Amino acid sequence: MTDLLARAGVQMPDTRACLLRELADKYPMVAALLEWRKRR
């Protein structure tokens, strides 16, 4: 997942939700990922 985000321009050390939430407003892809995880 970090590779996919990096290809979209989002550099993340890992995909823990606490880190993703910080970037959800800036990157719609991150917000969508968080929403998808919540529904799973």
PDB file of N, CA and C in Angstrom:
ATOM      1  N   MET A   1       0.812  -1.180   0.000  1.00  0.00           N
ATOM      2  CA  MET A   1       0.000   0.000   0.000  1.00  0.00           C
ATOM      3  C   MET A   1       0.866   1.258   0.000  1.00  0.00           C
ATOM      4  N   THR A   2       1.981   1.230   0.717  1.00  0.00           N
ATOM      5  CA  THR A   2       2.844   2.417   0.730  1.00  0.00           C
ATOM      6  C   THR A   2       3.393   2.716  -0.660  1.00  0.00           C
ATOM      7  N   ASP A   3       3.653   1.666  -1.459  1.00  0.00           N
ATOM      8  CA  ASP A   3       4.125   1.886  -2.836  1.00  0.00           C
ATOM      9  C   ASP A   3       3.062   2.563  -3.687  1.00  0.00           C
ATOM     10  N   LEU A   4       1.830   2.121  -3.549  1.00  0.00           N
ATOM     11  CA  LEU A   4       0.727   2.728  -4.295  1.00  0.00           C
ATOM     12  C   LEU A   4       0.567   4.197  -3.916  1.00  0.00           C
ATOM     13  N   LEU A   5       0.595   4.482  -2.632  1.00  0.00           N
ATOM     14  CA  LEU A   5       0.482   5.872  -2.184  1.00  0.00           C
ATOM     15  C   LEU A   5       1.657   6.705  -2.687  1.00  0.00           C
ATOM     16  N   ALA A   6       2.857   6.145  -2.672  1.00  0.00           N
ATOM     17  CA  ALA A   6       4.038   6.873  -3.138  1.00  0.00           C
ATOM     18  C   ALA A   6       3.917   7.215  -4.623  1.00  0.00           C
ATOM     19  N   ARG A   7       3.384   6.285  -5.419  1.00  0.00           N
ATOM     20  CA  ARG A   7       3.178   6.559  -6.847  1.00  0.00           C
ATOM     21  C   ARG A   7       2.184   7.693  -7.068  1.00  0.00           C
ATOM     22  N   ALA A   8       1.289   7.891  -6.107  1.00  0.00           N
ATOM     23  CA  ALA A   8       0.310   8.973  -6.194  1.00  0.00           C
ATOM     24  C   ALA A   8       0.840  10.265  -5.566  1.00  0.00           C
ATOM     25  N   GLY A   9       2.092  10.224  -5.078  1.00  0.00           N
ATOM     26  CA  GLY A   9       2.698  11.421  -4.512  1.00  0.00           C
ATOM     27  C   GLY A   9       2.555  11.560  -3.017  1.00  0.00           C
ATOM     28  N   VAL A  10       2.101  10.511  -2.349  1.00  0.00           N
ATOM     29  CA  VAL A  10       1.909  10.531  -0.896  1.00  0.00           C
ATOM     30  C   VAL A  10       2.990   9.668  -0.259  1.00  0.00           C
ATOM     31  N   GLN A  11       3.976  10.296   0.336  1.00  0.00           N
ATOM     32  CA  GLN A  11       5.067   9.559   0.978  1.00  0.00           C
ATOM     33  C   GLN A  11       4.678   9.228   2.415  1.00  0.00           C
ATOM     34  N   MET A  12       4.582   7.931   2.708  1.00  0.00           N
ATOM     35  CA  MET A  12       4.200   7.466   4.038  1.00  0.00           C
ATOM     36  C   MET A  12       5.170   6.382   4.495  1.00  0.00           C
ATOM     37  N   PRO A  13       5.609   6.421   5.747  1.00  0.00           N
ATOM     38  CA  PRO A  13       6.472   5.345   6.242  1.00  0.00           C
ATOM     39  C   PRO A  13       5.706   4.041   6.419  1.00  0.00           C
ATOM     40  N   ASP A  14       4.422   4.140   6.735  1.00  0.00           N
ATOM     41  CA  ASP A  14       3.541   2.978   6.843  1.00  0.00           C
ATOM     42  C   ASP A  14       2.103   3.470   6.710  1.00  0.00           C
ATOM     43  N   THR A  15       1.159   2.563   6.823  1.00  0.00           N
ATOM     44  CA  THR A  15      -0.233   2.951   6.583  1.00  0.00           C
ATOM     45  C   THR A  15      -1.101   2.823   7.830  1.00  0.00           C
ATOM     46  N   ARG A  16      -0.521   3.122   8.966  1.00  0.00           N
ATOM     47  CA  ARG A  16      -1.330   3.146  10.185  1.00  0.00           C
ATOM     48  C   ARG A  16      -2.367   4.262  10.067  1.00  0.00           C
ATOM     49  N   ALA A  17      -3.556   3.990  10.545  1.00  0.00           N
ATOM     50  CA  ALA A  17      -4.660   4.948  10.422  1.00  0.00           C
ATOM     51  C   ALA A  17      -4.326   6.296  11.038  1.00  0.00           C
ATOM     52  N   CYS A  18      -3.604   6.307  12.142  1.00  0.00           N
ATOM     53  CA  CYS A  18      -3.284   7.586  12.790  1.00  0.00           C
ATOM     54  C   CYS A  18      -2.438   8.472  11.871  1.00  0.00           C
ATOM     55  N   LEU A  19      -1.575   7.884  11.082  1.00  0.00           N
ATOM     56  CA  LEU A  19      -0.767   8.655  10.134  1.00  0.00           C
ATOM     57  C   LEU A  19      -1.589   9.065   8.915  1.00  0.00           C
ATOM     58  N   LEU A  20      -2.433   8.170   8.450  1.00  0.00           N
ATOM     59  CA  LEU A  20      -3.252   8.475   7.287  1.00  0.00           C
ATOM     60  C   LEU A  20      -4.251   9.599   7.570  1.00  0.00           C
ATOM     61  N   ARG A  21      -4.821   9.607   8.771  1.00  0.00           N
ATOM     62  CA  ARG A  21      -5.797  10.646   9.114  1.00  0.00           C
ATOM     63  C   ARG A  21      -5.207  12.041   8.992  1.00  0.00           C
ATOM     64  N   GLU A  22      -3.935  12.183   9.270  1.00  0.00           N
ATOM     65  CA  GLU A  22      -3.279  13.493   9.183  1.00  0.00           C
ATOM     66  C   GLU A  22      -3.273  14.030   7.750  1.00  0.00           C
ATOM     67  N   LEU A  23      -3.329  13.141   6.766  1.00  0.00           N
ATOM     68  CA  LEU A  23      -3.243  13.546   5.362  1.00  0.00           C
ATOM     69  C   LEU A  23      -4.555  13.402   4.596  1.00  0.00           C
ATOM     70  N   ALA A  24      -5.599  12.944   5.252  1.00  0.00           N
ATOM     71  CA  ALA A  24      -6.861  12.675   4.565  1.00  0.00           C
ATOM     72  C   ALA A  24      -7.463  13.925   3.935  1.00  0.00           C
ATOM     73  N   ASP A  25      -7.314  15.078   4.560  1.00  0.00           N
ATOM     74  CA  ASP A  25      -7.874  16.309   4.000  1.00  0.00           C
ATOM     75  C   ASP A  25      -7.109  16.768   2.760  1.00  0.00           C
ATOM     76  N   LYS A  26      -5.838  16.492   2.736  1.00  0.00           N
ATOM     77  CA  LYS A  26      -4.986  16.942   1.634  1.00  0.00           C
ATOM     78  C   LYS A  26      -5.045  16.002   0.422  1.00  0.00           C
ATOM     79  N   TYR A  27      -5.222  14.727   0.667  1.00  0.00           N
ATOM     80  CA  TYR A  27      -5.199  13.721  -0.399  1.00  0.00           C
ATOM     81  C   TYR A  27      -6.495  12.909  -0.395  1.00  0.00           C
ATOM     82  N   PRO A  28      -7.353  13.114  -1.382  1.00  0.00           N
ATOM     83  CA  PRO A  28      -8.609  12.352  -1.462  1.00  0.00           C
ATOM     84  C   PRO A  28      -8.390  10.838  -1.487  1.00  0.00           C
ATOM     85  N   MET A  29      -7.284  10.391  -2.073  1.00  0.00           N
ATOM     86  CA  MET A  29      -6.999   8.954  -2.115  1.00  0.00           C
ATOM     87  C   MET A  29      -6.834   8.389  -0.701  1.00  0.00           C
ATOM     88  N   VAL A  30      -6.215   9.144   0.166  1.00  0.00           N
ATOM     89  CA  VAL A  30      -6.014   8.702   1.549  1.00  0.00           C
ATOM     90  C   VAL A  30      -7.357   8.655   2.280  1.00  0.00           C
ATOM     91  N   ALA A  31      -8.193   9.657   2.061  1.00  0.00           N
ATOM     92  CA  ALA A  31      -9.520   9.662   2.677  1.00  0.00           C
ATOM     93  C   ALA A  31     -10.332   8.451   2.210  1.00  0.00           C
ATOM     94  N   ALA A  32     -10.242   8.138   0.922  1.00  0.00           N
ATOM     95  CA  ALA A  32     -10.958   6.979   0.385  1.00  0.00           C
ATOM     96  C   ALA A  32     -10.433   5.681   0.983  1.00  0.00           C
ATOM     97  N   LEU A  33      -9.143   5.582   1.172  1.00  0.00           N
ATOM     98  CA  LEU A  33      -8.554   4.395   1.792  1.00  0.00           C
ATOM     99  C   LEU A  33      -9.066   4.217   3.216  1.00  0.00           C
ATOM    100  N   LEU A  34      -9.099   5.294   3.968  1.00  0.00           N
ATOM    101  CA  LEU A  34      -9.609   5.213   5.339  1.00  0.00           C
ATOM    102  C   LEU A  34     -11.075   4.796   5.364  1.00  0.00           C
ATOM    103  N   GLU A  35     -11.873   5.339   4.450  1.00  0.00           N
ATOM    104  CA  GLU A  35     -13.290   4.978   4.380  1.00  0.00           C
ATOM    105  C   GLU A  35     -13.444   3.507   4.009  1.00  0.00           C
ATOM    106  N   TRP A  36     -12.654   3.042   3.060  1.00  0.00           N
ATOM    107  CA  TRP A  36     -12.700   1.635   2.656  1.00  0.00           C
ATOM    108  C   TRP A  36     -12.349   0.716   3.828  1.00  0.00           C
ATOM    109  N   ARG A  37     -11.332   1.082   4.577  1.00  0.00           N
ATOM    110  CA  ARG A  37     -10.942   0.272   5.727  1.00  0.00           C
ATOM    111  C   ARG A  37     -12.036   0.217   6.782  1.00  0.00           C
ATOM    112  N   LYS A  38     -12.714   1.346   6.963  1.00  0.00           N
ATOM    113  CA  LYS A  38     -13.779   1.399   7.961  1.00  0.00           C
ATOM    114  C   LYS A  38     -14.926   0.467   7.590  1.00  0.00           C
ATOM    115  N   ARG A  39     -15.207   0.362   6.305  1.00  0.00           N
ATOM    116  CA  ARG A  39     -16.311  -0.482   5.835  1.00  0.00           C
ATOM    117  C   ARG A  39     -15.969  -1.962   5.816  1.00  0.00           C
ATOM    118  N   ARG A  40     -14.705  -2.297   5.788  1.00  0.00           N
ATOM    119  CA  ARG A  40     -14.279  -3.696   5.737  1.00  0.00           C
ATOM    120  C   ARG A  40     -14.542  -4.406   6.998  1.00  0.00           C
TER     121      ARG A  40
END
